[in-house]
Amino acid sequence: MLDLLKDLWGFMRERKKFWLAPILMILLLLGTLLVFSEGSVIAPFIYTLF
């Protein structure tokens, strides 16, 4: 996992694609939100967003 992050950071730094960082962070945040709320009471409200 750490190698993946290093490679991704190296790609963004070398090719000046820093605009990818906020997109990746938002996708990661939404993914963790869906995983952790899967068995909770909040799940029906989150699934209506998508």
PDB file of N, CA and C in Angstrom:
ATOM      1  N   MET A   1       0.827  -1.197   0.000  1.00  0.00           N
ATOM      2  CA  MET A   1       0.000   0.000   0.000  1.00  0.00           C
ATOM      3  C   MET A   1       0.868   1.256   0.000  1.00  0.00           C
ATOM      4  N   LEU A   2       1.945   1.215   0.750  1.00  0.00           N
ATOM      5  CA  LEU A   2       2.830   2.376   0.813  1.00  0.00           C
ATOM      6  C   LEU A   2       3.524   2.609  -0.526  1.00  0.00           C
ATOM      7  N   ASP A   3       3.872   1.510  -1.214  1.00  0.00           N
ATOM      8  CA  ASP A   3       4.493   1.659  -2.532  1.00  0.00           C
ATOM      9  C   ASP A   3       3.535   2.297  -3.528  1.00  0.00           C
ATOM     10  N   LEU A   4       2.278   1.943  -3.427  1.00  0.00           N
ATOM     11  CA  LEU A   4       1.274   2.536  -4.315  1.00  0.00           C
ATOM     12  C   LEU A   4       1.174   4.045  -4.090  1.00  0.00           C
ATOM     13  N   LEU A   5       1.160   4.451  -2.838  1.00  0.00           N
ATOM     14  CA  LEU A   5       1.085   5.883  -2.543  1.00  0.00           C
ATOM     15  C   LEU A   5       2.333   6.625  -3.006  1.00  0.00           C
ATOM     16  N   LYS A   6       3.498   6.001  -2.838  1.00  0.00           N
ATOM     17  CA  LYS A   6       4.737   6.619  -3.311  1.00  0.00           C
ATOM     18  C   LYS A   6       4.730   6.777  -4.831  1.00  0.00           C
ATOM     19  N   ASP A   7       4.305   5.727  -5.528  1.00  0.00           N
ATOM     20  CA  ASP A   7       4.247   5.797  -6.981  1.00  0.00           C
ATOM     21  C   ASP A   7       3.245   6.845  -7.450  1.00  0.00           C
ATOM     22  N   LEU A   8       2.115   6.909  -6.789  1.00  0.00           N
ATOM     23  CA  LEU A   8       1.099   7.895  -7.156  1.00  0.00           C
ATOM     24  C   LEU A   8       1.602   9.311  -6.917  1.00  0.00           C
ATOM     25  N   TRP A   9       2.266   9.541  -5.787  1.00  0.00           N
ATOM     26  CA  TRP A   9       2.821  10.865  -5.503  1.00  0.00           C
ATOM     27  C   TRP A   9       3.920  11.218  -6.510  1.00  0.00           C
ATOM     28  N   GLY A  10       4.762  10.245  -6.853  1.00  0.00           N
ATOM     29  CA  GLY A  10       5.807  10.481  -7.847  1.00  0.00           C
ATOM     30  C   GLY A  10       5.232  10.832  -9.205  1.00  0.00           C
ATOM     31  N   PHE A  11       4.160  10.150  -9.594  1.00  0.00           N
ATOM     32  CA  PHE A  11       3.496  10.455 -10.862  1.00  0.00           C
ATOM     33  C   PHE A  11       2.935  11.871 -10.856  1.00  0.00           C
ATOM     34  N   MET A  12       2.246  12.225  -9.768  1.00  0.00           N
ATOM     35  CA  MET A  12       1.647  13.564  -9.709  1.00  0.00           C
ATOM     36  C   MET A  12       2.715  14.649  -9.679  1.00  0.00           C
ATOM     37  N   ARG A  13       3.812  14.405  -8.985  1.00  0.00           N
ATOM     38  CA  ARG A  13       4.865  15.409  -8.892  1.00  0.00           C
ATOM     39  C   ARG A  13       5.593  15.569 -10.223  1.00  0.00           C
ATOM     40  N   GLU A  14       5.872  14.451 -10.894  1.00  0.00           N
ATOM     41  CA  GLU A  14       6.633  14.511 -12.132  1.00  0.00           C
ATOM     42  C   GLU A  14       5.826  15.124 -13.273  1.00  0.00           C
ATOM     43  N   ARG A  15       4.560  14.781 -13.350  1.00  0.00           N
ATOM     44  CA  ARG A  15       3.735  15.250 -14.458  1.00  0.00           C
ATOM     45  C   ARG A  15       2.906  16.484 -14.117  1.00  0.00           C
ATOM     46  N   LYS A  16       3.104  17.033 -12.928  1.00  0.00           N
ATOM     47  CA  LYS A  16       2.388  18.246 -12.480  1.00  0.00           C
ATOM     48  C   LYS A  16       0.869  18.047 -12.510  1.00  0.00           C
ATOM     49  N   LYS A  17       0.434  16.919 -12.006  1.00  0.00           N
ATOM     50  CA  LYS A  17      -0.995  16.588 -11.961  1.00  0.00           C
ATOM     51  C   LYS A  17      -1.508  16.678 -10.531  1.00  0.00           C
ATOM     52  N   PHE A  18      -1.224  17.786  -9.866  1.00  0.00           N
ATOM     53  CA  PHE A  18      -1.625  17.939  -8.469  1.00  0.00           C
ATOM     54  C   PHE A  18      -3.139  18.084  -8.307  1.00  0.00           C
ATOM     55  N   TRP A  19      -3.847  18.355  -9.386  1.00  0.00           N
ATOM     56  CA  TRP A  19      -5.301  18.461  -9.298  1.00  0.00           C
ATOM     57  C   TRP A  19      -5.938  17.101  -9.039  1.00  0.00           C
ATOM     58  N   LEU A  20      -5.183  16.022  -9.219  1.00  0.00           N
ATOM     59  CA  LEU A  20      -5.717  14.690  -8.931  1.00  0.00           C
ATOM     60  C   LEU A  20      -5.832  14.413  -7.437  1.00  0.00           C
ATOM     61  N   ALA A  21      -5.031  15.094  -6.628  1.00  0.00           N
ATOM     62  CA  ALA A  21      -5.015  14.821  -5.185  1.00  0.00           C
ATOM     63  C   ALA A  21      -6.378  15.053  -4.527  1.00  0.00           C
ATOM     64  N   PRO A  22      -7.065  16.191  -4.734  1.00  0.00           N
ATOM     65  CA  PRO A  22      -8.382  16.351  -4.090  1.00  0.00           C
ATOM     66  C   PRO A  22      -9.417  15.340  -4.569  1.00  0.00           C
ATOM     67  N   ILE A  23      -9.349  14.977  -5.842  1.00  0.00           N
ATOM     68  CA  ILE A  23     -10.301  13.991  -6.371  1.00  0.00           C
ATOM     69  C   ILE A  23     -10.077  12.644  -5.702  1.00  0.00           C
ATOM     70  N   LEU A  24      -8.822  12.237  -5.577  1.00  0.00           N
ATOM     71  CA  LEU A  24      -8.522  10.956  -4.937  1.00  0.00           C
ATOM     72  C   LEU A  24      -8.896  10.957  -3.463  1.00  0.00           C
ATOM     73  N   MET A  25      -8.687  12.083  -2.792  1.00  0.00           N
ATOM     74  CA  MET A  25      -9.043  12.161  -1.374  1.00  0.00           C
ATOM     75  C   MET A  25     -10.555  12.077  -1.186  1.00  0.00           C
ATOM     76  N   ILE A  26     -11.324  12.719  -2.048  1.00  0.00           N
ATOM     77  CA  ILE A  26     -12.783  12.661  -1.939  1.00  0.00           C
ATOM     78  C   ILE A  26     -13.278  11.252  -2.221  1.00  0.00           C
ATOM     79  N   LEU A  27     -12.715  10.595  -3.234  1.00  0.00           N
ATOM     80  CA  LEU A  27     -13.109   9.214  -3.520  1.00  0.00           C
ATOM     81  C   LEU A  27     -12.777   8.285  -2.367  1.00  0.00           C
ATOM     82  N   LEU A  28     -11.627   8.474  -1.762  1.00  0.00           N
ATOM     83  CA  LEU A  28     -11.242   7.669  -0.608  1.00  0.00           C
ATOM     84  C   LEU A  28     -12.180   7.908   0.571  1.00  0.00           C
ATOM     85  N   LEU A  29     -12.535   9.163   0.809  1.00  0.00           N
ATOM     86  CA  LEU A  29     -13.449   9.499   1.894  1.00  0.00           C
ATOM     87  C   LEU A  29     -14.833   8.896   1.667  1.00  0.00           C
ATOM     88  N   LEU A  30     -15.359   9.003   0.459  1.00  0.00           N
ATOM     89  CA  LEU A  30     -16.668   8.417   0.167  1.00  0.00           C
ATOM     90  C   LEU A  30     -16.634   6.891   0.273  1.00  0.00           C
ATOM     91  N   GLY A  31     -15.545   6.284  -0.158  1.00  0.00           N
ATOM     92  CA  GLY A  31     -15.419   4.831  -0.052  1.00  0.00           C
ATOM     93  C   GLY A  31     -15.409   4.355   1.382  1.00  0.00           C
ATOM     94  N   THR A  32     -14.646   5.041   2.236  1.00  0.00           N
ATOM     95  CA  THR A  32     -14.622   4.644   3.641  1.00  0.00           C
ATOM     96  C   THR A  32     -15.962   4.911   4.320  1.00  0.00           C
ATOM     97  N   LEU A  33     -16.623   5.979   3.925  1.00  0.00           N
ATOM     98  CA  LEU A  33     -17.948   6.264   4.480  1.00  0.00           C
ATOM     99  C   LEU A  33     -18.928   5.155   4.132  1.00  0.00           C
ATOM    100  N   LEU A  34     -18.900   4.681   2.907  1.00  0.00           N
ATOM    101  CA  LEU A  34     -19.799   3.599   2.511  1.00  0.00           C
ATOM    102  C   LEU A  34     -19.463   2.293   3.218  1.00  0.00           C
ATOM    103  N   VAL A  35     -18.195   2.023   3.404  1.00  0.00           N
ATOM    104  CA  VAL A  35     -17.805   0.768   4.066  1.00  0.00           C
ATOM    105  C   VAL A  35     -18.208   0.777   5.536  1.00  0.00           C
ATOM    106  N   PHE A  36     -17.947   1.886   6.225  1.00  0.00           N
ATOM    107  CA  PHE A  36     -18.240   1.928   7.661  1.00  0.00           C
ATOM    108  C   PHE A  36     -19.721   2.087   7.965  1.00  0.00           C
ATOM    109  N   SER A  37     -20.474   2.628   7.049  1.00  0.00           N
ATOM    110  CA  SER A  37     -21.893   2.824   7.326  1.00  0.00           C
ATOM    111  C   SER A  37     -22.760   1.701   6.761  1.00  0.00           C
ATOM    112  N   GLU A  38     -22.141   0.670   6.255  1.00  0.00           N
ATOM    113  CA  GLU A  38     -22.888  -0.413   5.624  1.00  0.00           C
ATOM    114  C   GLU A  38     -23.863  -1.088   6.586  1.00  0.00           C
ATOM    115  N   GLY A  39     -23.460  -1.291   7.805  1.00  0.00           N
ATOM    116  CA  GLY A  39     -24.326  -1.982   8.743  1.00  0.00           C
ATOM    117  C   GLY A  39     -24.970  -1.065   9.761  1.00  0.00           C
ATOM    118  N   SER A  40     -24.953   0.210   9.517  1.00  0.00           N
ATOM    119  CA  SER A  40     -25.471   1.143  10.513  1.00  0.00           C
ATOM    120  C   SER A  40     -26.853   1.657  10.128  1.00  0.00           C
ATOM    121  N   VAL A  41     -27.382   2.494  10.975  1.00  0.00           N
ATOM    122  CA  VAL A  41     -28.700   3.079  10.755  1.00  0.00           C
ATOM    123  C   VAL A  41     -28.632   4.151   9.665  1.00  0.00           C
ATOM    124  N   ILE A  42     -27.460   4.692   9.431  1.00  0.00           N
ATOM    125  CA  ILE A  42     -27.294   5.782   8.466  1.00  0.00           C
ATOM    126  C   ILE A  42     -27.309   5.262   7.023  1.00  0.00           C
ATOM    127  N   ALA A  43     -27.102   3.974   6.818  1.00  0.00           N
ATOM    128  CA  ALA A  43     -26.946   3.404   5.489  1.00  0.00           C
ATOM    129  C   ALA A  43     -28.069   3.777   4.513  1.00  0.00           C
ATOM    130  N   PRO A  44     -29.361   3.697   4.879  1.00  0.00           N
ATOM    131  CA  PRO A  44     -30.396   4.060   3.893  1.00  0.00           C
ATOM    132  C   PRO A  44     -30.301   5.514   3.439  1.00  0.00           C
ATOM    133  N   PHE A  45     -29.853   6.398   4.310  1.00  0.00           N
ATOM    134  CA  PHE A  45     -29.763   7.806   3.924  1.00  0.00           C
ATOM    135  C   PHE A  45     -28.568   8.052   3.000  1.00  0.00           C
ATOM    136  N   ILE A  46     -27.488   7.317   3.213  1.00  0.00           N
ATOM    137  CA  ILE A  46     -26.310   7.488   2.356  1.00  0.00           C
ATOM    138  C   ILE A  46     -26.586   6.908   0.976  1.00  0.00           C
ATOM    139  N   TYR A  47     -27.261   5.767   0.894  1.00  0.00           N
ATOM    140  CA  TYR A  47     -27.521   5.150  -0.393  1.00  0.00           C
ATOM    141  C   TYR A  47     -28.497   5.980  -1.234  1.00  0.00           C
ATOM    142  N   THR A  48     -29.314   6.809  -0.603  1.00  0.00           N
ATOM    143  CA  THR A  48     -30.197   7.663  -1.389  1.00  0.00           C
ATOM    144  C   THR A  48     -29.436   8.785  -2.072  1.00  0.00           C
ATOM    145  N   LEU A  49     -28.237   9.115  -1.596  1.00  0.00           N
ATOM    146  CA  LEU A  49     -27.418  10.143  -2.237  1.00  0.00           C
ATOM    147  C   LEU A  49     -26.893   9.675  -3.587  1.00  0.00           C
ATOM    148  N   PHE A  50     -26.714   8.380  -3.727  1.00  0.00           N
ATOM    149  CA  PHE A  50     -26.153   7.843  -4.958  1.00  0.00           C
ATOM    150  C   PHE A  50     -27.224   7.204  -5.785  1.00  0.00           C
TER     151      PHE A  50
END
